């Protein structure tokens, strides 16, 4: 077999599932990865259940990916776990803080590094799209989330610096607030504040984010490696 394999980490979320629904137009095989044991998406070729809080599951998942059957490996990482405001409680909720950093930053980093190492050993070219958040630039009242998304910027820059000479392209993209289940879990006041801080004075649409991320994964020039791109309607505060 030859061609491209598109791996979507977080395929059950609104972005991952939306990208996978374009399967017929993308001309790639899709491997989805997420927490549920069984996927609800019938348009993807492969599915592996993985809890990115568990380093053993991460390594097992990477080991199962059939990279040897393809010419190029493309990964879109769009995992995100948003929690409550850190200072809403007078107590430090350590478990919540550590879980947020584990899911949003450490687990993602572990997975990407393990996958790229496997691809390098097979002399395969790779393209990695790391979907973060505007919180990387403006912060978040969920402190663990804000720390993690800022850390993903560092991951993109470090991977690009390390791998650009080895036929690997690494691009970060930080969406602002957009129509999603995650956004709806935030209080209405916080949603309105985020919208008001944009220049365009509205949330992004899901399709705007999906189309942009898909372009970066499949069509954007290699010279974008190391870039961290914002699609946020001008949300910088």
Protein backbone atom coordinates (compact mmCIF):
# COMPACT_ATOMS: atom_id res chain seq x y z
CA UNK A 1 0.00 0.00 0.00
CA UNK A 2 1.13 3.57 -0.59
CA UNK A 3 -0.24 7.08 -0.17
CA UNK A 4 -0.85 9.18 2.92
CA UNK A 5 -2.16 8.19 6.33
CA UNK A 6 -3.95 10.93 8.27
CA UNK A 7 -3.99 10.31 12.01
CA UNK A 8 -6.48 12.35 14.04
CA UNK A 9 -5.75 12.44 17.76
CA UNK A 10 -9.05 13.42 19.36
CA UNK A 11 -11.18 12.17 16.47
CA UNK A 12 -14.41 12.05 18.49
CA UNK A 13 -14.35 15.80 19.19
CA UNK A 14 -16.03 18.43 17.04
CA UNK A 15 -12.89 19.24 15.04
CA UNK A 16 -11.63 15.69 14.66
CA UNK A 17 -14.99 14.28 13.61
CA UNK A 18 -15.60 17.22 11.28
CA UNK A 19 -12.29 16.67 9.52
CA UNK A 20 -12.90 12.94 9.23
CA UNK A 21 -16.30 13.59 7.61
CA UNK A 22 -14.45 15.06 4.63
CA UNK A 23 -12.79 11.70 4.02
CA UNK A 24 -14.02 11.26 0.45
CA UNK A 25 -12.55 14.61 -0.57
CA UNK A 26 -9.23 14.24 1.25
CA UNK A 27 -7.83 11.25 -0.69
CA UNK A 28 -6.14 9.82 2.40
CA UNK A 29 -6.74 6.92 4.75
CA UNK A 30 -7.79 8.07 8.22
CA UNK A 31 -6.81 6.54 11.54
CA UNK A 32 -8.74 7.96 14.47
CA UNK A 33 -7.61 7.90 18.09
CA UNK A 34 -9.69 8.84 21.12
CA UNK A 35 -10.81 7.68 24.55
CA UNK A 36 -14.00 5.66 23.79
CA UNK A 37 -13.56 1.93 23.21
CA UNK A 38 -15.62 2.07 20.01
CA UNK A 39 -15.92 4.95 17.56
CA UNK A 40 -19.22 6.31 16.27
CA UNK A 41 -17.52 7.35 13.01
CA UNK A 42 -17.92 4.90 10.15
CA UNK A 43 -15.97 6.93 7.59
CA UNK A 44 -12.52 6.26 9.07
CA UNK A 45 -10.44 3.24 8.09
CA UNK A 46 -8.83 2.52 11.47
CA UNK A 47 -9.64 3.36 15.07
CA UNK A 48 -7.61 2.86 18.25
CA UNK A 49 -8.82 3.66 21.76
CA UNK A 50 -6.21 5.47 23.85
CA UNK A 51 -6.13 7.38 27.13
CA UNK A 52 -3.35 9.96 26.78
CA UNK A 53 -3.07 10.14 30.56
CA UNK A 54 -1.52 6.66 30.43
CA UNK A 55 2.01 6.50 29.01
CA UNK A 56 1.79 2.75 28.45
CA UNK A 57 -1.37 3.15 26.37
CA UNK A 58 0.29 5.89 24.35
CA UNK A 59 3.23 3.66 23.45
CA UNK A 60 0.96 0.71 22.70
CA UNK A 61 -1.15 2.88 20.40
CA UNK A 62 1.87 4.17 18.49
CA UNK A 63 3.11 0.60 18.10
CA UNK A 64 -0.20 -0.38 16.46
CA UNK A 65 -0.16 2.33 13.80
CA UNK A 66 0.59 0.72 10.39
CA UNK A 67 3.01 3.37 9.19
CA UNK A 68 4.97 0.86 7.08
CA UNK A 69 2.05 0.72 4.63
CA UNK A 70 2.26 4.42 3.73
CA UNK A 71 4.55 6.96 2.07
CA UNK A 72 3.73 9.86 4.38
CA UNK A 73 2.24 10.24 7.85
CA UNK A 74 0.12 13.27 8.73
CA UNK A 75 -1.04 13.90 12.29
CA UNK A 76 -3.65 16.38 13.48
CA UNK A 77 -3.68 16.64 17.26
CA UNK A 78 -6.89 18.27 18.43
CA UNK A 79 -7.28 16.95 21.96
CA UNK A 80 -8.54 19.45 24.51
CA UNK A 81 -9.87 19.20 28.07
CA UNK A 82 -11.25 22.37 29.63
CA UNK A 83 -12.03 22.66 33.34
CA UNK A 84 -13.46 25.04 35.89
CA UNK A 85 -11.91 28.33 36.94
CA UNK A 86 -8.90 27.56 39.11
CA UNK A 87 -9.59 30.30 41.66
CA UNK A 88 -13.31 29.71 41.90
CA UNK A 89 -12.51 27.39 44.81
CA UNK A 90 -10.49 28.51 47.87
CA UNK A 91 -8.60 25.20 47.71
CA UNK A 92 -5.97 24.00 45.28
CA UNK A 93 -7.54 21.14 43.36
CA UNK A 94 -4.29 19.38 42.56
CA UNK A 95 -5.82 16.44 40.71
CA UNK A 96 -7.65 18.76 38.32
CA UNK A 97 -4.50 20.80 37.64
CA UNK A 98 -2.32 17.77 36.99
CA UNK A 99 -4.93 16.07 34.80
CA UNK A 100 -5.33 19.17 32.66
CA UNK A 101 -1.59 19.43 32.03
CA UNK A 102 -1.34 15.67 31.45
CA UNK A 103 -4.12 15.56 28.85
CA UNK A 104 -3.54 18.88 27.10
CA UNK A 105 0.26 18.95 27.05
CA UNK A 106 2.23 15.97 28.35
CA UNK A 107 0.14 13.22 26.77
CA UNK A 108 0.02 15.04 23.43
CA UNK A 109 3.78 15.67 23.51
CA UNK A 110 4.51 12.04 24.40
CA UNK A 111 2.33 10.76 21.58
CA UNK A 112 3.77 13.08 18.94
CA UNK A 113 7.40 12.45 19.88
CA UNK A 114 6.88 8.67 19.94
CA UNK A 115 5.12 8.72 16.56
CA UNK A 116 7.76 10.90 14.90
CA UNK A 117 10.58 8.70 16.22
CA UNK A 118 8.86 5.66 14.72
CA UNK A 119 8.45 7.46 11.38
CA UNK A 120 12.09 8.59 11.33
CA UNK A 121 13.21 5.01 11.85
CA UNK A 122 11.24 4.11 8.69
CA UNK A 123 12.53 7.14 6.74
CA UNK A 124 8.99 8.47 6.36
CA UNK A 125 8.14 12.12 5.90
CA UNK A 126 5.77 13.56 8.48
CA UNK A 127 3.53 16.58 8.87
CA UNK A 128 2.26 17.41 12.36
CA UNK A 129 -0.52 19.93 13.00
CA UNK A 130 -0.86 20.81 16.69
CA UNK A 131 -4.21 22.44 17.46
CA UNK A 132 -3.93 24.53 20.60
CA UNK A 133 -5.99 27.49 21.74
CA UNK A 134 -6.03 31.27 21.91
CA UNK A 135 -5.45 30.66 25.62
CA UNK A 136 -1.77 30.22 24.70
CA UNK A 137 -1.69 33.97 24.02
CA UNK A 138 -4.36 35.41 26.29
CA UNK A 139 -4.32 32.97 29.22
CA UNK A 140 -7.21 31.11 30.79
CA UNK A 141 -9.04 31.15 34.10
CA UNK A 142 -8.50 27.38 34.05
CA UNK A 143 -4.80 27.82 34.82
CA UNK A 144 -3.83 24.26 33.91
CA UNK A 145 -5.43 24.69 30.49
CA UNK A 146 -3.63 28.00 29.90
CA UNK A 147 -0.27 26.53 30.95
CA UNK A 148 -0.78 23.56 28.64
CA UNK A 149 -1.79 25.51 25.56
CA UNK A 150 1.17 27.88 25.96
CA UNK A 151 3.36 24.79 26.32
CA UNK A 152 2.11 23.47 22.97
CA UNK A 153 3.61 26.56 21.31
CA UNK A 154 6.97 25.55 22.75
CA UNK A 155 6.42 22.00 21.52
CA UNK A 156 5.82 23.20 17.95
CA UNK A 157 8.91 25.40 17.92
CA UNK A 158 11.14 22.75 19.50
CA UNK A 159 9.97 19.97 17.18
CA UNK A 160 10.35 22.14 14.10
CA UNK A 161 13.85 23.21 15.11
CA UNK A 162 14.81 19.58 15.74
CA UNK A 163 13.13 17.95 12.74
CA UNK A 164 12.92 20.40 9.82
CA UNK A 165 16.06 18.92 8.24
CA UNK A 166 14.56 15.42 8.48
CA UNK A 167 11.58 15.91 6.16
CA UNK A 168 9.18 16.80 8.96
CA UNK A 169 6.86 19.79 8.95
CA UNK A 170 5.46 21.01 12.29
CA UNK A 171 2.75 23.68 12.40
CA UNK A 172 0.74 25.03 15.33
CA UNK A 173 -2.70 26.58 15.07
CA UNK A 174 -4.47 28.38 17.91
CA UNK A 175 -8.22 28.85 17.41
CA UNK A 176 -10.16 31.45 19.34
CA UNK A 177 -13.64 30.81 20.68
CA UNK A 178 -15.79 28.92 18.20
CA UNK A 179 -19.09 27.08 18.20
CA UNK A 180 -18.40 23.83 20.02
CA UNK A 181 -19.46 21.71 22.96
CA UNK A 182 -16.39 22.90 24.86
CA UNK A 183 -17.37 26.55 24.38
CA UNK A 184 -20.92 25.82 25.56
CA UNK A 185 -19.56 24.43 28.83
CA UNK A 186 -18.12 27.85 29.64
CA UNK A 187 -20.41 30.30 31.46
CA UNK A 188 -22.36 32.68 29.27
CA UNK A 189 -20.52 35.65 30.81
CA UNK A 190 -17.14 34.18 29.83
CA UNK A 191 -18.38 33.40 26.33
CA UNK A 192 -19.60 36.98 25.90
CA UNK A 193 -16.29 38.36 27.19
CA UNK A 194 -14.36 36.22 24.71
CA UNK A 195 -16.58 37.30 21.81
CA UNK A 196 -16.31 40.95 22.83
CA UNK A 197 -12.50 40.68 22.82
CA UNK A 198 -12.50 39.70 19.14
CA UNK A 199 -12.42 42.27 16.35
CA UNK A 200 -15.18 40.46 14.47
CA UNK A 201 -17.53 40.31 17.48
CA UNK A 202 -18.68 36.73 16.99
CA UNK A 203 -17.61 33.15 17.58
CA UNK A 204 -15.88 31.32 14.80
CA UNK A 205 -17.85 28.65 12.99
CA UNK A 206 -16.79 25.03 13.25
CA UNK A 207 -16.35 24.86 9.47
CA UNK A 208 -13.99 27.85 9.49
CA UNK A 209 -11.67 26.02 11.88
CA UNK A 210 -12.04 22.63 10.17
CA UNK A 211 -11.26 24.03 6.72
CA UNK A 212 -8.21 25.93 7.97
CA UNK A 213 -6.75 22.96 9.85
CA UNK A 214 -7.40 20.65 6.89
CA UNK A 215 -5.58 23.06 4.57
CA UNK A 216 -2.59 23.13 6.90
CA UNK A 217 -2.52 19.34 7.07
CA UNK A 218 -2.80 18.62 3.37
CA UNK A 219 -2.01 21.65 1.21
CA UNK A 220 0.02 24.30 3.04
CA UNK A 221 3.66 24.80 1.95
CA UNK A 222 6.48 23.11 3.88
CA UNK A 223 7.98 26.56 4.49
CA UNK A 224 5.31 27.12 7.13
CA UNK A 225 7.13 24.74 9.47
CA UNK A 226 7.70 26.29 12.87
CA UNK A 227 4.76 28.66 12.41
CA UNK A 228 2.12 29.13 15.09
CA UNK A 229 -0.95 30.51 13.35
CA UNK A 230 -3.93 32.22 14.96
CA UNK A 231 -7.49 31.87 13.70
CA UNK A 232 -9.27 33.89 16.33
CA UNK A 233 -11.16 36.83 14.83
CA UNK A 234 -8.61 39.18 16.39
CA UNK A 235 -8.89 37.81 19.94
CA UNK A 236 -5.64 38.94 21.59
CA UNK A 237 -6.76 40.01 25.08
